[in-house]
């Protein structure tokens, strides 16, 4: 009998670098992806996945633009899951203007 030692590759996806990522590195990378996706979805809530819309809702108290984005995200969730039939549009009549005479 011949003694041939063949290297058997492990199943699954190969590592991106020299070694596989640790659990902490994978979680850190996931958090970075989620953060980037939430930032990229601001202003384009209609095409954002549910996970990103929920992340936008979590930032509601960060600033005024974040609050408006959260309102749009909530309206989009309501539209997708049919619990909001008509969303209120912001009125421009009550907006103060610097150019009034």
C-alpha atoms as a PDB file:
ATOM      1  CA  UNK A   1       0.000   0.000   0.000  1.00  0.00           C
ATOM      2  CA  UNK A   2       1.186   3.446  -0.729  1.00  0.00           C
ATOM      3  CA  UNK A   3       1.122   6.051   1.999  1.00  0.00           C
ATOM      4  CA  UNK A   4      -0.020   9.249   0.332  1.00  0.00           C
ATOM      5  CA  UNK A   5      -0.916  12.126   2.583  1.00  0.00           C
ATOM      6  CA  UNK A   6      -3.286  14.468   0.857  1.00  0.00           C
ATOM      7  CA  UNK A   7      -4.223  17.764   2.423  1.00  0.00           C
ATOM      8  CA  UNK A   8      -7.953  17.990   2.848  1.00  0.00           C
ATOM      9  CA  UNK A   9      -9.283  21.530   2.845  1.00  0.00           C
ATOM     10  CA  UNK A  10     -11.706  22.513   5.536  1.00  0.00           C
ATOM     11  CA  UNK A  11     -15.287  23.135   4.566  1.00  0.00           C
ATOM     12  CA  UNK A  12     -16.743  26.628   4.531  1.00  0.00           C
ATOM     13  CA  UNK A  13     -15.627  30.029   3.456  1.00  0.00           C
ATOM     14  CA  UNK A  14     -11.876  30.691   3.600  1.00  0.00           C
ATOM     15  CA  UNK A  15     -10.615  33.417   5.954  1.00  0.00           C
ATOM     16  CA  UNK A  16     -10.146  36.954   4.598  1.00  0.00           C
ATOM     17  CA  UNK A  17      -6.659  37.266   6.025  1.00  0.00           C
ATOM     18  CA  UNK A  18      -4.059  34.956   7.443  1.00  0.00           C
ATOM     19  CA  UNK A  19      -6.389  33.624  10.099  1.00  0.00           C
ATOM     20  CA  UNK A  20     -10.134  33.409  10.743  1.00  0.00           C
ATOM     21  CA  UNK A  21     -11.782  36.349  12.513  1.00  0.00           C
ATOM     22  CA  UNK A  22     -12.573  36.053  16.184  1.00  0.00           C
ATOM     23  CA  UNK A  23     -16.140  36.461  17.410  1.00  0.00           C
ATOM     24  CA  UNK A  24     -15.351  39.980  18.646  1.00  0.00           C
ATOM     25  CA  UNK A  25     -13.903  40.966  15.253  1.00  0.00           C
ATOM     26  CA  UNK A  26     -16.942  39.602  13.412  1.00  0.00           C
ATOM     27  CA  UNK A  27     -19.311  41.488  15.725  1.00  0.00           C
ATOM     28  CA  UNK A  28     -17.288  44.706  15.338  1.00  0.00           C
ATOM     29  CA  UNK A  29     -17.445  44.371  11.552  1.00  0.00           C
ATOM     30  CA  UNK A  30     -21.205  43.768  11.722  1.00  0.00           C
ATOM     31  CA  UNK A  31     -21.717  46.881  13.859  1.00  0.00           C
ATOM     32  CA  UNK A  32     -19.692  48.939  11.380  1.00  0.00           C
ATOM     33  CA  UNK A  33     -21.762  47.617   8.448  1.00  0.00           C
ATOM     34  CA  UNK A  34     -25.012  48.353  10.294  1.00  0.00           C
ATOM     35  CA  UNK A  35     -23.850  51.862  11.171  1.00  0.00           C
ATOM     36  CA  UNK A  36     -22.858  52.613   7.571  1.00  0.00           C
ATOM     37  CA  UNK A  37     -26.148  51.214   6.275  1.00  0.00           C
ATOM     38  CA  UNK A  38     -28.144  53.427   8.673  1.00  0.00           C
ATOM     39  CA  UNK A  39     -26.203  56.514   7.595  1.00  0.00           C
ATOM     40  CA  UNK A  40     -26.595  55.663   3.906  1.00  0.00           C
ATOM     41  CA  UNK A  41     -30.353  55.106   4.310  1.00  0.00           C
ATOM     42  CA  UNK A  42     -31.053  58.606   5.649  1.00  0.00           C
ATOM     43  CA  UNK A  43     -33.135  60.315   2.994  1.00  0.00           C
ATOM     44  CA  UNK A  44     -33.855  57.040   1.196  1.00  0.00           C
ATOM     45  CA  UNK A  45     -36.067  55.321   3.761  1.00  0.00           C
ATOM     46  CA  UNK A  46     -38.348  53.773   1.126  1.00  0.00           C
ATOM     47  CA  UNK A  47     -35.593  51.450  -0.086  1.00  0.00           C
ATOM     48  CA  UNK A  48     -33.988  50.682   3.277  1.00  0.00           C
ATOM     49  CA  UNK A  49     -34.317  47.244   4.882  1.00  0.00           C
ATOM     50  CA  UNK A  50     -36.288  46.907   8.124  1.00  0.00           C
ATOM     51  CA  UNK A  51     -33.138  46.425  10.216  1.00  0.00           C
ATOM     52  CA  UNK A  52     -31.819  49.800   9.015  1.00  0.00           C
ATOM     53  CA  UNK A  53     -35.151  51.523   9.631  1.00  0.00           C
ATOM     54  CA  UNK A  54     -35.097  50.257  13.212  1.00  0.00           C
ATOM     55  CA  UNK A  55     -31.554  51.581  13.625  1.00  0.00           C
ATOM     56  CA  UNK A  56     -32.727  54.993  12.382  1.00  0.00           C
ATOM     57  CA  UNK A  57     -35.540  54.931  14.943  1.00  0.00           C
ATOM     58  CA  UNK A  58     -32.991  54.283  17.690  1.00  0.00           C
ATOM     59  CA  UNK A  59     -31.218  57.568  16.855  1.00  0.00           C
ATOM     60  CA  UNK A  60     -34.372  59.704  17.217  1.00  0.00           C
ATOM     61  CA  UNK A  61     -33.024  61.922  20.014  1.00  0.00           C
ATOM     62  CA  UNK A  62     -29.627  62.619  18.430  1.00  0.00           C
ATOM     63  CA  UNK A  63     -30.620  65.801  16.551  1.00  0.00           C
ATOM     64  CA  UNK A  64     -33.422  67.509  14.632  1.00  0.00           C
ATOM     65  CA  UNK A  65     -32.454  65.928  11.263  1.00  0.00           C
ATOM     66  CA  UNK A  66     -32.287  62.527  12.994  1.00  0.00           C
ATOM     67  CA  UNK A  67     -35.788  63.109  14.377  1.00  0.00           C
ATOM     68  CA  UNK A  68     -37.142  63.924  10.901  1.00  0.00           C
ATOM     69  CA  UNK A  69     -35.430  60.861   9.469  1.00  0.00           C
ATOM     70  CA  UNK A  70     -36.961  58.748  12.246  1.00  0.00           C
ATOM     71  CA  UNK A  71     -40.403  60.128  11.361  1.00  0.00           C
ATOM     72  CA  UNK A  72     -39.875  59.114   7.725  1.00  0.00           C
ATOM     73  CA  UNK A  73     -38.630  55.687   8.840  1.00  0.00           C
ATOM     74  CA  UNK A  74     -41.699  55.190  11.057  1.00  0.00           C
ATOM     75  CA  UNK A  75     -43.995  56.217   8.193  1.00  0.00           C
ATOM     76  CA  UNK A  76     -42.225  53.752   5.897  1.00  0.00           C
ATOM     77  CA  UNK A  77     -42.590  50.915   8.430  1.00  0.00           C
ATOM     78  CA  UNK A  78     -46.275  51.784   8.742  1.00  0.00           C
ATOM     79  CA  UNK A  79     -46.689  51.798   4.966  1.00  0.00           C
ATOM     80  CA  UNK A  80     -44.973  48.414   4.591  1.00  0.00           C
ATOM     81  CA  UNK A  81     -46.956  46.692   7.329  1.00  0.00           C
ATOM     82  CA  UNK A  82     -50.281  48.502   6.673  1.00  0.00           C
ATOM     83  CA  UNK A  83     -50.826  50.129  10.045  1.00  0.00           C
ATOM     84  CA  UNK A  84     -50.579  53.694   8.744  1.00  0.00           C
ATOM     85  CA  UNK A  85     -52.952  54.610   5.935  1.00  0.00           C
ATOM     86  CA  UNK A  86     -52.252  58.347   5.641  1.00  0.00           C
ATOM     87  CA  UNK A  87     -49.246  60.118   7.056  1.00  0.00           C
ATOM     88  CA  UNK A  88     -49.433  63.787   7.937  1.00  0.00           C
ATOM     89  CA  UNK A  89     -47.404  66.035   5.671  1.00  0.00           C
ATOM     90  CA  UNK A  90     -45.571  68.938   7.294  1.00  0.00           C
ATOM     91  CA  UNK A  91     -47.361  72.211   6.734  1.00  0.00           C
ATOM     92  CA  UNK A  92     -45.382  75.098   5.266  1.00  0.00           C
ATOM     93  CA  UNK A  93     -48.003  77.675   6.287  1.00  0.00           C
ATOM     94  CA  UNK A  94     -46.878  77.694   9.913  1.00  0.00           C
ATOM     95  CA  UNK A  95     -43.178  77.822   9.081  1.00  0.00           C
ATOM     96  CA  UNK A  96     -41.714  81.160  10.135  1.00  0.00           C
ATOM     97  CA  UNK A  97     -40.036  83.054   7.354  1.00  0.00           C
ATOM     98  CA  UNK A  98     -37.230  85.566   7.567  1.00  0.00           C
ATOM     99  CA  UNK A  99     -38.437  87.302   4.429  1.00  0.00           C
ATOM    100  CA  UNK A 100     -41.885  88.421   5.597  1.00  0.00           C
ATOM    101  CA  UNK A 101     -42.500  92.137   5.283  1.00  0.00           C
END
